[in-house]
């Protein structure tokens, strides 16, 4: 099973109902977004004059770039299939790919707030929510992103953005089910935004006429994979230890100075 989202750009009117619904559902800060709608054009394309929108969100990729860069110490986590009750145990960090439904999720109780996963995402689908700090870990916030509204989905509801879309432009379902609506759209020609350099199995698909599809792909397809910032990963690992040592006199002071120095060094 792999949940996926198809956006029919022939229906999208750019009303932003999806982004507002997401903010309301998940208490997203006004200046941040788990999803977005960007206006594209009018612009000339090889297919003619085009004007459309780029509604984006986490693509819950087959091989997500965000997962391997997470510096949180891995733990054993048991997952349960909501449909069959089957369980499996995997070793995962704070960011992980759910084995039964294919979604990419974040354990906010273990997130160090380093932002490395946000930097690694070629789609820009993650942000650090500075309103959600973890004092025990000494984090400056926790990562937030689209989760496909899994609490809603597990309760038999659609994701908030899908339910709120006035034009019915958002289609959600299991892309591995040949009879699902998302599979039908894929057979009709819906494609993800992938390039030679960024080909990690995005499960966000777009369906559009040739003109709008040309504009979307020429402006919004990522072409570069981010590099790992080892310094920031090390700093994130050190912060919880330094937080615990802050009352240990000189050791805590020296450690705090070291962490501050690393934080100030943007290199």
Protein backbone atom coordinates (compact mmCIF):
# COMPACT_ATOMS: atom_id res chain seq x y z
CA UNK A 1 0.00 0.00 0.00
CA UNK A 2 1.18 3.50 -0.82
CA UNK A 3 -0.98 6.54 -0.22
CA UNK A 4 -0.67 9.21 -2.91
CA UNK A 5 -2.19 12.53 -3.91
CA UNK A 6 -3.24 13.57 -7.40
CA UNK A 7 -4.02 17.21 -8.16
CA UNK A 8 -6.12 17.85 -11.25
CA UNK A 9 -4.92 21.24 -12.47
CA UNK A 10 -7.76 21.38 -14.97
CA UNK A 11 -10.05 21.80 -11.95
CA UNK A 12 -7.89 23.82 -9.53
CA UNK A 13 -9.03 27.46 -9.28
CA UNK A 14 -6.30 28.63 -6.89
CA UNK A 15 -8.75 29.50 -4.11
CA UNK A 16 -6.38 28.44 -1.27
CA UNK A 17 -9.18 26.61 0.57
CA UNK A 18 -6.79 23.66 0.90
CA UNK A 19 -4.06 25.72 2.57
CA UNK A 20 -6.49 27.37 4.99
CA UNK A 21 -8.07 24.04 5.90
CA UNK A 22 -4.62 22.60 6.61
CA UNK A 23 -3.68 25.53 8.87
CA UNK A 24 -6.95 25.20 10.78
CA UNK A 25 -6.66 21.42 11.14
CA UNK A 26 -3.05 21.43 12.36
CA UNK A 27 -2.62 24.87 13.98
CA UNK A 28 0.04 25.87 11.46
CA UNK A 29 1.69 29.29 12.04
CA UNK A 30 0.40 31.99 9.72
CA UNK A 31 3.80 32.46 8.03
CA UNK A 32 4.39 28.73 7.49
CA UNK A 33 2.64 26.01 5.53
CA UNK A 34 2.28 22.27 5.34
CA UNK A 35 1.00 22.86 1.83
CA UNK A 36 0.92 25.78 -0.57
CA UNK A 37 -0.60 27.08 -3.79
CA UNK A 38 1.65 29.13 -6.10
CA UNK A 39 0.38 30.95 -9.16
CA UNK A 40 2.28 30.22 -12.38
CA UNK A 41 2.14 32.43 -15.46
CA UNK A 42 0.74 33.65 -17.69
CA UNK A 43 3.83 32.54 -19.59
CA UNK A 44 4.74 31.30 -23.01
CA UNK A 45 5.59 27.57 -23.27
CA UNK A 46 6.45 25.31 -26.22
CA UNK A 47 2.79 24.25 -26.09
CA UNK A 48 1.44 27.81 -26.11
CA UNK A 49 0.44 30.46 -23.55
CA UNK A 50 -0.18 28.90 -20.14
CA UNK A 51 -1.45 29.94 -16.72
CA UNK A 52 -1.96 27.53 -13.85
CA UNK A 53 -1.18 26.80 -10.20
CA UNK A 54 1.34 24.71 -8.30
CA UNK A 55 -0.38 23.21 -5.26
CA UNK A 56 2.42 21.49 -3.33
CA UNK A 57 2.85 19.37 -0.23
CA UNK A 58 4.98 16.52 1.12
CA UNK A 59 5.10 13.83 -1.55
CA UNK A 60 5.69 10.89 0.84
CA UNK A 61 8.39 9.62 -1.50
CA UNK A 62 9.34 5.99 -2.06
CA UNK A 63 12.95 6.84 -1.13
CA UNK A 64 12.59 10.04 0.92
CA UNK A 65 15.74 12.15 1.18
CA UNK A 66 14.65 13.41 4.61
CA UNK A 67 14.79 10.02 6.37
CA UNK A 68 18.50 9.07 6.20
CA UNK A 69 19.74 12.52 7.31
CA UNK A 70 17.80 12.60 10.60
CA UNK A 71 20.42 12.68 13.42
CA UNK A 72 18.08 11.50 16.21
CA UNK A 73 19.23 8.23 17.80
CA UNK A 74 17.23 5.37 16.28
CA UNK A 75 14.83 3.33 18.38
CA UNK A 76 12.84 0.15 17.85
CA UNK A 77 9.28 1.08 16.86
CA UNK A 78 6.38 -1.32 16.27
CA UNK A 79 3.95 -0.47 13.49
CA UNK A 80 0.45 -1.88 13.01
CA UNK A 81 -1.47 -2.18 9.77
CA UNK A 82 -4.80 -0.41 10.33
CA UNK A 83 -6.51 -2.73 7.86
CA UNK A 84 -5.21 -6.18 8.78
CA UNK A 85 -3.84 -5.76 12.29
CA UNK A 86 -0.46 -7.12 11.20
CA UNK A 87 2.54 -5.68 13.03
CA UNK A 88 6.21 -5.18 12.26
CA UNK A 89 9.10 -3.67 14.23
CA UNK A 90 11.68 -1.41 12.61
CA UNK A 91 14.59 0.73 13.78
CA UNK A 92 13.72 4.35 13.01
CA UNK A 93 14.96 7.87 13.76
CA UNK A 94 12.61 10.82 14.39
CA UNK A 95 11.69 10.94 10.70
CA UNK A 96 10.65 7.65 9.13
CA UNK A 97 8.61 6.00 6.39
CA UNK A 98 5.59 4.11 7.69
CA UNK A 99 5.88 0.53 6.39
CA UNK A 100 2.18 -0.23 5.90
CA UNK A 101 0.78 2.90 4.24
CA UNK A 102 3.94 4.44 2.77
CA UNK A 103 3.54 7.84 4.43
CA UNK A 104 6.53 9.74 5.82
CA UNK A 105 5.97 10.78 9.43
CA UNK A 106 7.75 12.67 12.22
CA UNK A 107 8.03 11.66 15.89
CA UNK A 108 7.90 15.15 17.40
CA UNK A 109 8.80 13.90 20.87
CA UNK A 110 12.18 12.82 19.49
CA UNK A 111 12.74 15.54 16.87
CA UNK A 112 15.88 17.58 17.62
CA UNK A 113 14.70 20.55 15.58
CA UNK A 114 17.94 20.73 13.60
CA UNK A 115 16.16 21.27 10.28
CA UNK A 116 18.48 18.95 8.38
CA UNK A 117 15.55 16.99 6.95
CA UNK A 118 13.96 20.24 5.77
CA UNK A 119 17.17 21.16 3.97
CA UNK A 120 17.38 17.70 2.42
CA UNK A 121 13.86 17.78 0.95
CA UNK A 122 14.16 18.84 -2.72
CA UNK A 123 10.48 19.86 -2.72
CA UNK A 124 10.76 22.30 0.21
CA UNK A 125 7.92 20.51 1.96
CA UNK A 126 9.19 20.79 5.57
CA UNK A 127 9.70 23.62 8.03
CA UNK A 128 10.78 24.05 11.64
CA UNK A 129 7.86 25.10 13.82
CA UNK A 130 9.52 27.35 16.39
CA UNK A 131 6.31 27.37 18.44
CA UNK A 132 6.84 23.70 19.27
CA UNK A 133 10.07 23.45 21.24
CA UNK A 134 11.25 20.40 23.13
CA UNK A 135 12.98 21.69 26.27
CA UNK A 136 14.22 18.24 27.28
CA UNK A 137 16.11 17.88 24.01
CA UNK A 138 17.14 21.53 23.89
CA UNK A 139 15.56 21.98 20.48
CA UNK A 140 14.67 25.32 18.89
CA UNK A 141 11.48 23.82 17.49
CA UNK A 142 10.22 20.67 15.81
CA UNK A 143 9.76 19.71 12.20
CA UNK A 144 6.29 19.97 10.73
CA UNK A 145 4.95 18.92 7.34
CA UNK A 146 2.01 17.31 5.58
CA UNK A 147 1.16 13.94 7.10
CA UNK A 148 -1.73 13.17 4.75
CA UNK A 149 -3.87 13.79 7.85
CA UNK A 150 -3.40 10.20 8.97
CA UNK A 151 -5.56 10.57 12.13
CA UNK A 152 -8.42 11.62 9.85
CA UNK A 153 -7.68 8.92 7.28
CA UNK A 154 -7.53 6.21 9.95
CA UNK A 155 -10.95 7.41 11.11
CA UNK A 156 -12.36 6.94 7.60
CA UNK A 157 -12.16 10.60 6.54
CA UNK A 158 -10.33 12.36 3.72
CA UNK A 159 -7.35 14.63 4.41
CA UNK A 160 -8.54 18.14 5.33
CA UNK A 161 -7.33 19.64 2.04
CA UNK A 162 -9.18 17.02 0.00
CA UNK A 163 -12.42 17.43 1.90
CA UNK A 164 -12.26 21.23 1.59
CA UNK A 165 -11.33 21.47 -2.11
CA UNK A 166 -14.32 23.24 -3.65
CA UNK A 167 -13.51 22.10 -7.20
CA UNK A 168 -12.74 18.47 -6.38
CA UNK A 169 -9.22 18.94 -7.73
CA UNK A 170 -7.53 16.84 -5.03
CA UNK A 171 -7.73 13.06 -5.23
CA UNK A 172 -6.31 10.88 -2.46
CA UNK A 173 -5.91 7.11 -2.24
CA UNK A 174 -3.78 4.00 -2.61
CA UNK A 175 -1.65 4.25 -5.75
CA UNK A 176 -0.92 0.50 -5.60
CA UNK A 177 -4.64 -0.31 -5.91
CA UNK A 178 -5.35 -0.51 -9.67
CA UNK A 179 -9.01 0.30 -9.03
CA UNK A 180 -8.40 3.46 -7.01
CA UNK A 181 -9.12 6.94 -8.35
CA UNK A 182 -5.45 7.95 -8.03
CA UNK A 183 -4.45 4.93 -10.13
CA UNK A 184 -7.04 5.87 -12.72
CA UNK A 185 -5.55 9.36 -12.98
CA UNK A 186 -2.05 7.90 -13.29
CA UNK A 187 -3.23 5.74 -16.19
CA UNK A 188 -4.72 8.88 -17.77
CA UNK A 189 -1.31 10.56 -17.68
CA UNK A 190 -0.88 12.15 -14.25
CA UNK A 191 2.84 12.46 -13.48
CA UNK A 192 4.99 13.43 -10.53
CA UNK A 193 7.59 16.21 -10.52
CA UNK A 194 10.81 14.25 -11.00
CA UNK A 195 14.05 15.00 -12.82
CA UNK A 196 17.23 13.10 -13.60
CA UNK A 197 18.85 14.44 -10.42
CA UNK A 198 15.73 14.21 -8.25
CA UNK A 199 14.14 10.83 -8.83
CA UNK A 200 13.13 9.58 -5.37
CA UNK A 201 9.68 8.24 -6.12
CA UNK A 202 7.46 11.23 -5.39
CA UNK A 203 3.87 10.18 -4.69
CA UNK A 204 2.44 13.58 -5.57
CA UNK A 205 0.96 13.56 -9.08
CA UNK A 206 -0.36 16.30 -11.36
CA UNK A 207 -2.85 16.05 -14.19
CA UNK A 208 -3.11 18.96 -16.62
CA UNK A 209 -3.47 19.97 -20.25
CA UNK A 210 -0.25 20.14 -22.27
CA UNK A 211 0.24 23.90 -21.90
CA UNK A 212 -0.21 24.02 -18.14
CA UNK A 213 1.73 20.81 -17.64
CA UNK A 214 4.66 22.30 -19.59
CA UNK A 215 4.62 25.43 -17.41
CA UNK A 216 4.38 23.44 -14.17
CA UNK A 217 7.28 21.17 -15.04
CA UNK A 218 9.56 23.90 -16.35
CA UNK A 219 9.10 26.05 -13.23
CA UNK A 220 8.51 23.63 -10.36
CA UNK A 221 10.45 20.42 -10.96
CA UNK A 222 13.41 20.16 -8.55
CA UNK A 223 16.75 19.56 -10.26
CA UNK A 224 19.20 19.44 -7.33
CA UNK A 225 19.51 17.16 -4.31
CA UNK A 226 20.74 18.90 -1.15
CA UNK A 227 24.03 17.93 0.51
CA UNK A 228 24.22 16.82 4.14
CA UNK A 229 25.38 19.40 6.72
CA UNK A 230 27.42 17.21 9.10
CA UNK A 231 28.18 20.13 11.41
CA UNK A 232 24.49 20.79 11.98
CA UNK A 233 23.82 17.09 12.57
CA UNK A 234 26.58 16.98 15.19
CA UNK A 235 25.24 20.09 16.88
CA UNK A 236 21.78 18.57 17.05
CA UNK A 237 23.16 15.43 18.68
CA UNK A 238 25.12 17.49 21.23
CA UNK A 239 22.27 19.72 22.35
CA UNK A 240 20.40 17.14 24.49
CA UNK A 241 23.65 16.19 26.27
CA UNK A 242 24.56 19.82 26.87
CA UNK A 243 21.07 20.49 28.17
CA UNK A 244 21.46 17.72 30.74
CA UNK A 245 24.92 18.97 31.70
CA UNK A 246 23.96 22.62 32.16
CA UNK A 247 23.92 22.28 35.96
CA UNK A 248 27.29 20.55 36.17
CA UNK A 249 29.38 23.68 36.71
CA UNK A 250 32.32 24.30 34.40
CA UNK A 251 31.56 21.24 32.24
CA UNK A 252 28.16 22.66 31.47
CA UNK A 253 29.62 26.12 30.82
CA UNK A 254 32.33 24.84 28.48
CA UNK A 255 29.83 22.65 26.65
CA UNK A 256 27.38 25.52 26.30
CA UNK A 257 30.12 27.76 24.87
CA UNK A 258 31.12 25.02 22.43
CA UNK A 259 27.55 24.55 21.24
CA UNK A 260 27.05 28.31 20.88
CA UNK A 261 30.24 28.56 18.85
CA UNK A 262 29.06 25.84 16.51
CA UNK A 263 25.66 27.49 16.24
CA UNK A 264 27.22 30.83 15.30
CA UNK A 265 29.44 29.21 12.69
CA UNK A 266 27.25 29.08 9.62
CA UNK A 267 29.86 27.16 7.70
